[in-house]
Amino acid sequence: MLFYSFFKTLIGKEVVVELKNDVIITGTLIAVDQMLNIKLNNLKCDATLFPQIQTMTDCFIRGNTIRYVSMAENNIDVQLLHDATLLELNEIKSKQ
């Protein structure tokens, strides 16, 4: 659930999503679920490569079609991410 929790902190922030079919979409993250499906609005993309996306204002992207998600470095709380990673690791170790 670490990635789900991480992406929930990015709601309302601009992200760049690269899909497995090489489509690159930039937009504002509106929602994310446990399967890492995401919803974006305020979409932007290269109009010469993907003219069909230019008419869309928002979209839903299945998590299994995503190759990468990138975001501005200042949107990432590294200390919080580090602490959450250690906490999850300790929970896994305690279950063994």
N, C-alpha and C. Protein backbone atom coordinates (compact mmCIF):
# COMPACT_ATOMS: atom_id res chain seq x y z
N MET A 1 0.82 -1.20 0.00
CA MET A 1 0.00 0.00 0.00
C MET A 1 0.86 1.26 0.00
N LEU A 2 2.18 1.08 -0.01
CA LEU A 2 3.07 2.24 0.03
C LEU A 2 2.87 3.14 -1.18
N PHE A 3 2.81 2.56 -2.38
CA PHE A 3 2.65 3.38 -3.58
C PHE A 3 1.29 4.05 -3.60
N TYR A 4 0.26 3.34 -3.17
CA TYR A 4 -1.08 3.94 -3.10
C TYR A 4 -1.06 5.15 -2.18
N SER A 5 -0.47 5.00 -1.01
CA SER A 5 -0.39 6.11 -0.06
C SER A 5 0.42 7.27 -0.64
N PHE A 6 1.51 6.93 -1.32
CA PHE A 6 2.35 7.96 -1.93
C PHE A 6 1.57 8.74 -2.98
N PHE A 7 0.87 8.04 -3.87
CA PHE A 7 0.13 8.73 -4.92
C PHE A 7 -1.03 9.54 -4.37
N LYS A 8 -1.60 9.13 -3.26
CA LYS A 8 -2.67 9.92 -2.64
C LYS A 8 -2.16 11.28 -2.20
N THR A 9 -0.87 11.37 -1.82
CA THR A 9 -0.31 12.67 -1.43
C THR A 9 -0.12 13.59 -2.63
N LEU A 10 -0.17 13.03 -3.84
CA LEU A 10 0.03 13.83 -5.05
C LEU A 10 -1.28 14.33 -5.66
N ILE A 11 -2.41 14.01 -5.05
CA ILE A 11 -3.70 14.47 -5.59
C ILE A 11 -3.71 15.99 -5.61
N GLY A 12 -4.11 16.52 -6.76
CA GLY A 12 -4.13 17.97 -6.95
C GLY A 12 -2.85 18.51 -7.56
N LYS A 13 -1.85 17.66 -7.73
CA LYS A 13 -0.57 18.08 -8.29
C LYS A 13 -0.46 17.62 -9.75
N GLU A 14 0.40 18.29 -10.50
CA GLU A 14 0.60 17.92 -11.90
C GLU A 14 1.58 16.76 -12.00
N VAL A 15 1.21 15.75 -12.81
CA VAL A 15 2.06 14.59 -13.03
C VAL A 15 2.16 14.32 -14.53
N VAL A 16 3.19 13.61 -14.91
CA VAL A 16 3.38 13.18 -16.30
C VAL A 16 3.30 11.66 -16.30
N VAL A 17 2.40 11.11 -17.11
CA VAL A 17 2.18 9.67 -17.17
C VAL A 17 2.62 9.18 -18.55
N GLU A 18 3.54 8.22 -18.55
CA GLU A 18 3.94 7.57 -19.80
C GLU A 18 3.32 6.19 -19.81
N LEU A 19 2.56 5.92 -20.86
CA LEU A 19 1.88 4.63 -20.98
C LEU A 19 2.77 3.63 -21.70
N LYS A 20 2.40 2.36 -21.60
CA LYS A 20 3.19 1.30 -22.23
C LYS A 20 3.17 1.39 -23.75
N ASN A 21 2.18 2.10 -24.32
CA ASN A 21 2.13 2.27 -25.77
C ASN A 21 2.81 3.58 -26.20
N ASP A 22 3.66 4.14 -25.32
CA ASP A 22 4.48 5.32 -25.59
C ASP A 22 3.71 6.64 -25.63
N VAL A 23 2.45 6.65 -25.24
CA VAL A 23 1.70 7.90 -25.12
C VAL A 23 2.13 8.59 -23.84
N ILE A 24 2.39 9.89 -23.92
CA ILE A 24 2.78 10.67 -22.75
C ILE A 24 1.71 11.73 -22.51
N ILE A 25 1.12 11.70 -21.31
CA ILE A 25 0.03 12.60 -20.95
C ILE A 25 0.44 13.36 -19.69
N THR A 26 0.27 14.67 -19.72
CA THR A 26 0.49 15.50 -18.55
C THR A 26 -0.87 15.99 -18.06
N GLY A 27 -1.08 15.95 -16.76
CA GLY A 27 -2.35 16.42 -16.22
C GLY A 27 -2.32 16.51 -14.71
N THR A 28 -3.41 16.99 -14.15
CA THR A 28 -3.54 17.11 -12.71
C THR A 28 -4.15 15.83 -12.17
N LEU A 29 -3.50 15.23 -11.19
CA LEU A 29 -3.98 13.98 -10.58
C LEU A 29 -5.22 14.28 -9.75
N ILE A 30 -6.32 13.64 -10.08
CA ILE A 30 -7.58 13.86 -9.39
C ILE A 30 -7.88 12.73 -8.42
N ALA A 31 -7.59 11.49 -8.82
CA ALA A 31 -7.91 10.34 -7.97
C ALA A 31 -6.98 9.19 -8.29
N VAL A 32 -6.80 8.33 -7.30
CA VAL A 32 -6.02 7.10 -7.45
C VAL A 32 -6.68 6.04 -6.58
N ASP A 33 -6.66 4.78 -7.03
CA ASP A 33 -7.22 3.71 -6.20
C ASP A 33 -6.16 2.66 -5.89
N GLN A 34 -6.56 1.60 -5.19
CA GLN A 34 -5.61 0.58 -4.73
C GLN A 34 -4.94 -0.16 -5.87
N MET A 35 -5.55 -0.21 -7.03
CA MET A 35 -4.95 -0.87 -8.19
C MET A 35 -4.06 0.10 -8.98
N LEU A 36 -3.86 1.29 -8.42
CA LEU A 36 -3.08 2.37 -9.03
C LEU A 36 -3.66 2.83 -10.36
N ASN A 37 -4.99 2.68 -10.51
CA ASN A 37 -5.69 3.34 -11.59
C ASN A 37 -5.71 4.82 -11.23
N ILE A 38 -5.55 5.68 -12.22
CA ILE A 38 -5.53 7.10 -11.91
C ILE A 38 -6.49 7.87 -12.80
N LYS A 39 -6.95 9.00 -12.28
CA LYS A 39 -7.81 9.90 -13.04
C LYS A 39 -7.09 11.24 -13.12
N LEU A 40 -7.01 11.78 -14.33
CA LEU A 40 -6.35 13.06 -14.58
C LEU A 40 -7.33 14.03 -15.21
N ASN A 41 -7.13 15.33 -14.96
CA ASN A 41 -7.84 16.34 -15.74
C ASN A 41 -6.84 17.41 -16.14
N ASN A 42 -7.28 18.42 -16.87
CA ASN A 42 -6.40 19.45 -17.44
C ASN A 42 -5.28 18.80 -18.26
N LEU A 43 -5.68 17.93 -19.17
CA LEU A 43 -4.72 17.14 -19.95
C LEU A 43 -3.94 17.99 -20.95
N LYS A 44 -2.67 17.62 -21.11
CA LYS A 44 -1.81 18.21 -22.13
C LYS A 44 -0.99 17.08 -22.74
N CYS A 45 -0.75 17.18 -24.03
CA CYS A 45 0.12 16.21 -24.70
C CYS A 45 0.58 16.81 -26.01
N ASP A 46 1.48 16.13 -26.68
CA ASP A 46 2.00 16.60 -27.96
C ASP A 46 0.91 16.42 -29.03
N ALA A 47 0.39 17.53 -29.52
CA ALA A 47 -0.72 17.49 -30.47
C ALA A 47 -0.33 16.85 -31.79
N THR A 48 0.94 16.94 -32.17
CA THR A 48 1.35 16.35 -33.44
C THR A 48 1.40 14.83 -33.36
N LEU A 49 1.73 14.31 -32.18
CA LEU A 49 1.82 12.85 -32.02
C LEU A 49 0.49 12.22 -31.63
N PHE A 50 -0.29 12.92 -30.80
CA PHE A 50 -1.53 12.35 -30.26
C PHE A 50 -2.69 13.34 -30.41
N PRO A 51 -3.13 13.61 -31.63
CA PRO A 51 -4.20 14.61 -31.82
C PRO A 51 -5.53 14.19 -31.19
N GLN A 52 -5.77 12.89 -31.05
CA GLN A 52 -7.03 12.42 -30.48
C GLN A 52 -7.15 12.78 -29.00
N ILE A 53 -6.03 12.96 -28.32
CA ILE A 53 -6.06 13.29 -26.89
C ILE A 53 -6.33 14.77 -26.68
N GLN A 54 -6.07 15.61 -27.67
CA GLN A 54 -6.25 17.05 -27.53
C GLN A 54 -7.69 17.43 -27.21
N THR A 55 -8.65 16.63 -27.63
CA THR A 55 -10.06 16.97 -27.40
C THR A 55 -10.54 16.53 -26.01
N MET A 56 -9.74 15.76 -25.31
CA MET A 56 -10.15 15.25 -24.00
C MET A 56 -9.82 16.27 -22.91
N THR A 57 -10.70 16.37 -21.91
CA THR A 57 -10.44 17.26 -20.78
C THR A 57 -10.01 16.47 -19.55
N ASP A 58 -10.50 15.24 -19.44
CA ASP A 58 -10.06 14.38 -18.34
C ASP A 58 -10.04 12.93 -18.82
N CYS A 59 -9.35 12.07 -18.07
CA CYS A 59 -9.26 10.68 -18.49
C CYS A 59 -9.03 9.78 -17.28
N PHE A 60 -9.36 8.52 -17.46
CA PHE A 60 -9.12 7.46 -16.48
C PHE A 60 -8.11 6.51 -17.10
N ILE A 61 -7.04 6.21 -16.37
CA ILE A 61 -5.99 5.34 -16.90
C ILE A 61 -5.85 4.13 -15.99
N ARG A 62 -5.98 2.95 -16.58
CA ARG A 62 -5.80 1.71 -15.81
C ARG A 62 -4.35 1.59 -15.37
N GLY A 63 -4.16 1.15 -14.15
CA GLY A 63 -2.83 1.05 -13.58
C GLY A 63 -1.91 0.12 -14.35
N ASN A 64 -2.46 -0.95 -14.95
CA ASN A 64 -1.59 -1.90 -15.64
C ASN A 64 -1.14 -1.41 -17.02
N THR A 65 -1.60 -0.24 -17.46
CA THR A 65 -1.15 0.32 -18.73
C THR A 65 -0.08 1.39 -18.54
N ILE A 66 0.25 1.69 -17.29
CA ILE A 66 1.20 2.77 -16.99
C ILE A 66 2.63 2.22 -16.94
N ARG A 67 3.52 2.90 -17.65
CA ARG A 67 4.94 2.56 -17.59
C ARG A 67 5.63 3.39 -16.51
N TYR A 68 5.46 4.71 -16.55
CA TYR A 68 6.09 5.61 -15.59
C TYR A 68 5.13 6.70 -15.18
N VAL A 69 5.31 7.19 -13.98
CA VAL A 69 4.66 8.41 -13.53
C VAL A 69 5.77 9.29 -12.98
N SER A 70 5.86 10.50 -13.48
CA SER A 70 6.87 11.42 -12.96
C SER A 70 6.18 12.69 -12.49
N MET A 71 6.84 13.36 -11.55
CA MET A 71 6.28 14.56 -10.97
C MET A 71 7.41 15.49 -10.59
N ALA A 72 7.06 16.72 -10.28
CA ALA A 72 8.07 17.70 -9.87
C ALA A 72 8.71 17.26 -8.56
N GLU A 73 10.00 17.48 -8.46
CA GLU A 73 10.74 17.04 -7.27
C GLU A 73 10.24 17.71 -6.00
N ASN A 74 9.78 18.95 -6.11
CA ASN A 74 9.30 19.65 -4.91
C ASN A 74 7.96 19.11 -4.41
N ASN A 75 7.30 18.24 -5.17
CA ASN A 75 6.05 17.61 -4.72
C ASN A 75 6.28 16.36 -3.89
N ILE A 76 7.54 15.96 -3.75
CA ILE A 76 7.85 14.71 -3.05
C ILE A 76 8.43 15.03 -1.68
N ASP A 77 7.80 14.51 -0.64
CA ASP A 77 8.33 14.63 0.72
C ASP A 77 9.20 13.41 0.96
N VAL A 78 10.49 13.55 0.74
CA VAL A 78 11.42 12.42 0.80
C VAL A 78 11.46 11.81 2.19
N GLN A 79 11.45 12.64 3.22
CA GLN A 79 11.51 12.13 4.59
C GLN A 79 10.27 11.30 4.91
N LEU A 80 9.10 11.77 4.51
CA LEU A 80 7.86 11.02 4.74
C LEU A 80 7.90 9.69 3.99
N LEU A 81 8.37 9.70 2.77
CA LEU A 81 8.47 8.47 1.98
C LEU A 81 9.45 7.50 2.62
N HIS A 82 10.57 8.00 3.09
CA HIS A 82 11.56 7.17 3.77
C HIS A 82 10.97 6.54 5.03
N ASP A 83 10.29 7.33 5.84
CA ASP A 83 9.69 6.83 7.07
C ASP A 83 8.62 5.77 6.78
N ALA A 84 7.80 6.01 5.76
CA ALA A 84 6.75 5.06 5.41
C ALA A 84 7.35 3.75 4.92
N THR A 85 8.44 3.82 4.18
CA THR A 85 9.12 2.61 3.70
C THR A 85 9.65 1.79 4.86
N LEU A 86 10.28 2.45 5.82
CA LEU A 86 10.80 1.74 7.00
C LEU A 86 9.67 1.13 7.82
N LEU A 87 8.57 1.85 7.97
CA LEU A 87 7.42 1.35 8.72
C LEU A 87 6.86 0.10 8.05
N GLU A 88 6.70 0.13 6.74
CA GLU A 88 6.17 -1.03 6.03
C GLU A 88 7.13 -2.21 6.12
N LEU A 89 8.42 -1.96 6.03
CA LEU A 89 9.41 -3.02 6.17
C LEU A 89 9.34 -3.66 7.55
N ASN A 90 9.21 -2.86 8.58
CA ASN A 90 9.10 -3.38 9.94
C ASN A 90 7.82 -4.21 10.12
N GLU A 91 6.73 -3.79 9.49
CA GLU A 91 5.48 -4.56 9.57
C GLU A 91 5.64 -5.92 8.90
N ILE A 92 6.33 -5.96 7.77
CA ILE A 92 6.56 -7.22 7.07
C ILE A 92 7.43 -8.14 7.90
N LYS A 93 8.47 -7.59 8.50
CA LYS A 93 9.37 -8.40 9.33
C LYS A 93 8.66 -8.95 10.56
N SER A 94 7.76 -8.17 11.14
CA SER A 94 7.07 -8.63 12.35
C SER A 94 6.07 -9.75 12.04
N LYS A 95 5.60 -9.84 10.80
CA LYS A 95 4.66 -10.90 10.42
C LYS A 95 5.37 -12.23 10.17
N GLN A 96 6.68 -12.19 9.99
CA GLN A 96 7.42 -13.43 9.68
C GLN A 96 7.72 -14.21 10.91
